């Protein structure tokens, strides 16, 4: 059986994603790079018990960073922007 919790790594919480959540009912997640839109949609619907309208995915390249002479690179990752049906909500920080 597919483990949905292995597909969804974490929600991305920034100022921009918080604004998208309030205005457009969109939530952004970091997902496993091997998953596709259909798998992300099924995982979100099963984990949070909501109806998903659309899913957009994109691969984010890791940035090259320097600290003095040492050069390093952040990891590549996959982002999914999930649009929920009207009337549906996911609350991460209730009671905080």
Foldseek 3Di string as FASTA:
>chain_A
DDDLCQFFPAWDDDPVQVVCCVPQVKTKTWGAPPDDFVSNQVSCCVPQVFHWDGKDKDKAFWDWDDDVPDIDTDHITMMIIIHGDPPDHDDDDPPD
